[in-house]
Protein backbone atom coordinates (compact mmCIF):
# COMPACT_ATOMS: atom_id res chain seq x y z
CA MET A 1 -1.19 177.58 22.63
CA PHE A 2 -1.21 180.81 20.68
CA GLU A 3 -4.28 181.75 18.67
CA GLY A 4 -3.72 181.60 14.95
CA HIS A 5 -0.85 179.14 15.27
CA ASP A 6 -2.56 176.25 13.47
CA THR A 7 -4.32 178.41 10.89
CA THR A 8 -1.07 180.15 9.94
CA ALA A 9 0.71 176.81 9.62
CA ALA A 10 -2.11 175.40 7.49
CA ALA A 11 -2.18 178.46 5.21
CA SER A 12 1.61 178.35 4.80
CA SER A 13 1.54 174.65 3.98
CA PHE A 14 -1.20 175.06 1.39
CA PHE A 15 0.59 178.04 -0.17
CA LEU A 16 3.88 176.15 -0.50
CA SER A 17 2.04 173.15 -1.94
CA VAL A 18 0.28 175.29 -4.54
CA MET A 19 3.57 176.96 -5.49
CA GLY A 20 5.17 173.54 -5.91
CA CYS A 21 2.36 172.41 -8.21
CA HIS A 22 2.50 175.57 -10.34
CA PRO A 23 6.11 176.40 -11.23
CA ASP A 24 4.98 179.08 -13.68
CA ILE A 25 3.27 181.00 -10.87
CA GLN A 26 6.21 180.35 -8.56
CA GLU A 27 8.51 181.87 -11.19
CA LYS A 28 6.38 185.04 -11.35
CA VAL A 29 6.57 185.37 -7.55
CA ILE A 30 10.36 184.96 -7.68
CA GLN A 31 10.55 187.54 -10.47
CA GLU A 32 8.55 190.02 -8.39
CA LEU A 33 10.80 189.47 -5.36
CA ASP A 34 13.90 189.90 -7.55
CA GLU A 35 12.53 193.24 -8.77
CA ILE A 36 12.06 194.40 -5.18
CA PHE A 37 15.26 193.04 -3.62
CA GLY A 38 17.64 192.52 -6.54
CA ASP A 39 20.91 191.01 -5.28
CA SER A 40 20.43 192.50 -1.81
CA ASP A 41 20.26 190.27 1.25
CA ARG A 42 18.58 192.95 3.37
CA PRO A 43 15.54 192.07 5.46
CA ALA A 44 12.11 192.93 4.08
CA THR A 45 10.49 196.15 5.24
CA PHE A 46 6.81 196.98 5.56
CA GLN A 47 7.14 199.10 2.41
CA ASP A 48 8.52 196.06 0.57
CA THR A 49 5.45 194.03 1.50
CA LEU A 50 3.21 196.73 0.00
CA GLU A 51 4.99 196.24 -3.33
CA MET A 52 4.45 192.45 -3.35
CA LYS A 53 1.16 192.67 -5.27
CA TYR A 54 1.42 189.37 -7.16
CA LEU A 55 2.55 187.46 -4.06
CA GLU A 56 -0.38 188.92 -2.12
CA ARG A 57 -2.83 187.82 -4.84
CA CYS A 58 -1.33 184.32 -4.79
CA LEU A 59 -1.71 184.14 -1.01
CA MET A 60 -5.31 185.36 -1.17
CA GLU A 61 -6.20 182.86 -3.90
CA THR A 62 -4.66 180.05 -1.85
CA LEU A 63 -6.75 181.10 1.15
CA ARG A 64 -9.84 181.16 -1.07
CA MET A 65 -9.19 177.66 -2.41
CA TYR A 66 -7.98 176.13 0.87
CA PRO A 67 -9.34 178.11 3.82
CA PRO A 68 -7.68 177.11 7.11
CA VAL A 69 -11.08 177.48 8.83
CA PRO A 70 -13.47 176.08 6.20
CA VAL A 71 -16.76 176.26 8.10
CA ILE A 72 -18.77 179.36 8.91
CA ALA A 73 -21.73 178.98 11.27
CA ARG A 74 -24.65 181.38 11.63
CA THR A 75 -27.71 181.35 13.85
CA ILE A 76 -30.93 182.29 12.08
CA ASN A 77 -33.49 183.74 14.45
CA THR A 78 -36.55 183.68 12.17
CA ASP A 79 -38.44 180.92 10.39
CA LEU A 80 -37.00 180.14 6.97
CA LYS A 81 -38.49 178.27 4.02
CA LEU A 82 -36.34 177.28 1.04
CA GLY A 83 -38.44 175.39 -1.49
CA GLU A 84 -39.88 172.41 0.37
CA PHE A 85 -37.36 172.72 3.19
CA SER A 86 -38.37 174.70 6.24
CA LYS A 87 -36.25 175.57 9.23
CA PRO A 88 -37.53 176.66 12.63
CA ASP A 89 -36.16 179.82 14.18
CA PHE A 90 -32.98 179.87 16.28
CA ILE A 91 -31.24 177.01 14.57
CA ARG A 92 -27.57 176.98 13.67
CA LEU A 93 -26.71 176.69 9.97
CA GLU A 94 -23.23 176.04 8.60
CA ASN A 95 -21.73 176.41 5.17
CA SER A 96 -18.33 175.46 3.89
């Protein structure tokens, strides 16, 4: 398996789902792409991707709402006390 295969597929699926649920946003993305490409059927260039500001923001917001890797783990190497909760050192904490 290739690294990133599942996360890319998950992100793409979530993005397409969000676009389907929000036709007004989808229309703005289409409008932006029409401004860049017009009636051309040429392939996208790197420079084109730099101009896709709204599309990039939509992708980033989708990743924020539906992260393909939703858990981040950290090891805390000192004692920690939060209110009445205390945690010994070198324990793994996760947030999502």
